[in-house]
Amino acid sequence: MTEEPNATLASRDTVNRACGILLERHGMSQDQALQRLVRDARDAALVRISQQLIAKVPPVER
């Protein structure tokens, strides 16, 4: 039962650290950094899901 809150805190810490890196290296605001992470995650998820779908579908024989 305590694993879920710990995982949530660890995830939040990871996101905050990544935002901090973007703030420092790219001069972004906190909002901009979080928006970039969300956009990149969405794009990565879309690519991953697309790759999984393609892998499941047999090639078309010609």
N, C-alpha and C. Protein backbone atom coordinates (compact mmCIF):
# COMPACT_ATOMS: atom_id res chain seq x y z
N MET A 1 0.82 -1.19 0.00
CA MET A 1 0.00 0.00 0.00
C MET A 1 0.87 1.26 0.00
N THR A 2 2.03 1.19 0.63
CA THR A 2 2.89 2.37 0.65
C THR A 2 3.75 2.46 -0.61
N GLU A 3 3.74 1.42 -1.44
CA GLU A 3 4.54 1.45 -2.66
C GLU A 3 4.00 2.47 -3.66
N GLU A 4 2.69 2.60 -3.77
CA GLU A 4 2.11 3.54 -4.73
C GLU A 4 2.49 4.98 -4.42
N PRO A 5 2.32 5.46 -3.17
CA PRO A 5 2.75 6.83 -2.87
C PRO A 5 4.26 7.03 -3.10
N ASN A 6 5.06 6.03 -2.78
CA ASN A 6 6.50 6.14 -3.01
C ASN A 6 6.81 6.23 -4.50
N ALA A 7 6.13 5.45 -5.29
CA ALA A 7 6.33 5.49 -6.74
C ALA A 7 5.90 6.84 -7.30
N THR A 8 4.80 7.38 -6.78
CA THR A 8 4.31 8.68 -7.22
C THR A 8 5.33 9.76 -6.88
N LEU A 9 5.87 9.72 -5.69
CA LEU A 9 6.88 10.70 -5.29
C LEU A 9 8.15 10.57 -6.13
N ALA A 10 8.55 9.35 -6.42
CA ALA A 10 9.75 9.13 -7.24
C ALA A 10 9.51 9.65 -8.65
N SER A 11 8.33 9.41 -9.19
CA SER A 11 8.00 9.90 -10.53
C SER A 11 7.99 11.43 -10.57
N ARG A 12 7.41 12.02 -9.56
CA ARG A 12 7.36 13.48 -9.48
C ARG A 12 8.76 14.06 -9.38
N ASP A 13 9.61 13.41 -8.60
CA ASP A 13 10.99 13.86 -8.46
C ASP A 13 11.72 13.78 -9.80
N THR A 14 11.49 12.71 -10.53
CA THR A 14 12.12 12.54 -11.84
C THR A 14 11.68 13.64 -12.80
N VAL A 15 10.40 13.92 -12.83
CA VAL A 15 9.87 14.98 -13.71
C VAL A 15 10.44 16.33 -13.29
N ASN A 16 10.48 16.60 -12.01
CA ASN A 16 11.03 17.87 -11.53
C ASN A 16 12.51 18.01 -11.88
N ARG A 17 13.26 16.94 -11.78
CA ARG A 17 14.68 16.99 -12.14
C ARG A 17 14.84 17.25 -13.63
N ALA A 18 14.03 16.60 -14.46
CA ALA A 18 14.09 16.82 -15.90
C ALA A 18 13.71 18.27 -16.24
N CYS A 19 12.70 18.79 -15.57
CA CYS A 19 12.32 20.20 -15.78
C CYS A 19 13.48 21.12 -15.40
N GLY A 20 14.13 20.81 -14.30
CA GLY A 20 15.27 21.60 -13.87
C GLY A 20 16.38 21.63 -14.90
N ILE A 21 16.63 20.50 -15.54
CA ILE A 21 17.65 20.44 -16.58
C ILE A 21 17.26 21.33 -17.75
N LEU A 22 16.00 21.26 -18.16
CA LEU A 22 15.54 22.11 -19.26
C LEU A 22 15.61 23.59 -18.88
N LEU A 23 15.26 23.91 -17.64
CA LEU A 23 15.35 25.30 -17.17
C LEU A 23 16.78 25.80 -17.27
N GLU A 24 17.70 25.00 -16.79
CA GLU A 24 19.11 25.40 -16.74
C GLU A 24 19.73 25.47 -18.13
N ARG A 25 19.50 24.48 -18.93
CA ARG A 25 20.21 24.38 -20.22
C ARG A 25 19.55 25.16 -21.35
N HIS A 26 18.24 25.37 -21.24
CA HIS A 26 17.53 26.02 -22.35
C HIS A 26 16.83 27.31 -21.94
N GLY A 27 16.99 27.70 -20.70
CA GLY A 27 16.39 28.96 -20.23
C GLY A 27 14.88 28.98 -20.30
N MET A 28 14.27 27.82 -20.16
CA MET A 28 12.81 27.73 -20.21
C MET A 28 12.20 28.09 -18.86
N SER A 29 10.93 28.46 -18.90
CA SER A 29 10.19 28.62 -17.66
C SER A 29 9.76 27.23 -17.18
N GLN A 30 9.30 27.13 -15.96
CA GLN A 30 8.82 25.86 -15.43
C GLN A 30 7.68 25.32 -16.28
N ASP A 31 6.77 26.21 -16.67
CA ASP A 31 5.64 25.81 -17.52
C ASP A 31 6.10 25.30 -18.87
N GLN A 32 7.03 26.01 -19.50
CA GLN A 32 7.53 25.60 -20.80
C GLN A 32 8.21 24.24 -20.71
N ALA A 33 9.00 24.05 -19.66
CA ALA A 33 9.71 22.78 -19.50
C ALA A 33 8.73 21.62 -19.33
N LEU A 34 7.72 21.82 -18.51
CA LEU A 34 6.73 20.75 -18.31
C LEU A 34 5.96 20.48 -19.59
N GLN A 35 5.58 21.53 -20.31
CA GLN A 35 4.87 21.34 -21.58
C GLN A 35 5.73 20.56 -22.58
N ARG A 36 7.02 20.85 -22.62
CA ARG A 36 7.91 20.13 -23.53
C ARG A 36 8.00 18.66 -23.15
N LEU A 37 8.12 18.38 -21.86
CA LEU A 37 8.19 16.99 -21.42
C LEU A 37 6.91 16.24 -21.77
N VAL A 38 5.77 16.89 -21.56
CA VAL A 38 4.49 16.26 -21.87
C VAL A 38 4.38 16.00 -23.37
N ARG A 39 4.76 16.99 -24.18
CA ARG A 39 4.70 16.83 -25.65
C ARG A 39 5.63 15.70 -26.10
N ASP A 40 6.86 15.70 -25.58
CA ASP A 40 7.81 14.66 -25.96
C ASP A 40 7.32 13.28 -25.54
N ALA A 41 6.73 13.19 -24.36
CA ALA A 41 6.20 11.90 -23.89
C ALA A 41 5.04 11.44 -24.77
N ARG A 42 4.19 12.36 -25.15
CA ARG A 42 3.05 12.02 -26.01
C ARG A 42 3.56 11.54 -27.37
N ASP A 43 4.53 12.25 -27.92
CA ASP A 43 5.10 11.86 -29.22
C ASP A 43 5.77 10.48 -29.13
N ALA A 44 6.52 10.26 -28.06
CA ALA A 44 7.21 8.98 -27.87
C ALA A 44 6.20 7.85 -27.72
N ALA A 45 5.12 8.11 -26.98
CA ALA A 45 4.09 7.09 -26.79
C ALA A 45 3.42 6.77 -28.12
N LEU A 46 3.16 7.79 -28.92
CA LEU A 46 2.53 7.58 -30.21
C LEU A 46 3.42 6.73 -31.11
N VAL A 47 4.70 7.01 -31.12
CA VAL A 47 5.64 6.22 -31.92
C VAL A 47 5.69 4.79 -31.41
N ARG A 48 5.78 4.62 -30.08
CA ARG A 48 5.85 3.27 -29.50
C ARG A 48 4.60 2.46 -29.83
N ILE A 49 3.44 3.07 -29.68
CA ILE A 49 2.19 2.38 -29.98
C ILE A 49 2.11 2.03 -31.45
N SER A 50 2.55 2.94 -32.31
CA SER A 50 2.55 2.67 -33.75
C SER A 50 3.48 1.51 -34.09
N GLN A 51 4.66 1.50 -33.47
CA GLN A 51 5.61 0.41 -33.71
C GLN A 51 5.03 -0.93 -33.25
N GLN A 52 4.35 -0.93 -32.11
CA GLN A 52 3.74 -2.17 -31.61
C GLN A 52 2.66 -2.67 -32.56
N LEU A 53 1.87 -1.76 -33.08
CA LEU A 53 0.82 -2.14 -34.02
C LEU A 53 1.42 -2.72 -35.30
N ILE A 54 2.42 -2.05 -35.83
CA ILE A 54 3.08 -2.53 -37.04
C ILE A 54 3.68 -3.92 -36.82
N ALA A 55 4.27 -4.14 -35.67
CA ALA A 55 4.90 -5.43 -35.37
C ALA A 55 3.86 -6.56 -35.31
N LYS A 56 2.63 -6.25 -34.95
CA LYS A 56 1.58 -7.26 -34.83
C LYS A 56 0.94 -7.62 -36.17
N VAL A 57 1.05 -6.74 -37.13
CA VAL A 57 0.37 -6.95 -38.41
C VAL A 57 1.33 -7.62 -39.38
N PRO A 58 0.94 -8.77 -39.93
CA PRO A 58 1.83 -9.45 -40.88
C PRO A 58 1.98 -8.61 -42.15
N PRO A 59 3.13 -8.72 -42.78
CA PRO A 59 3.35 -7.95 -44.02
C PRO A 59 2.41 -8.43 -45.11
N VAL A 60 2.08 -7.53 -46.00
CA VAL A 60 1.22 -7.84 -47.13
C VAL A 60 2.06 -8.56 -48.18
N GLU A 61 1.58 -9.70 -48.60
CA GLU A 61 2.28 -10.44 -49.65
C GLU A 61 1.85 -9.91 -51.00
N ARG A 62 2.82 -9.73 -51.88
CA ARG A 62 2.51 -9.19 -53.21
C ARG A 62 2.84 -10.17 -54.27
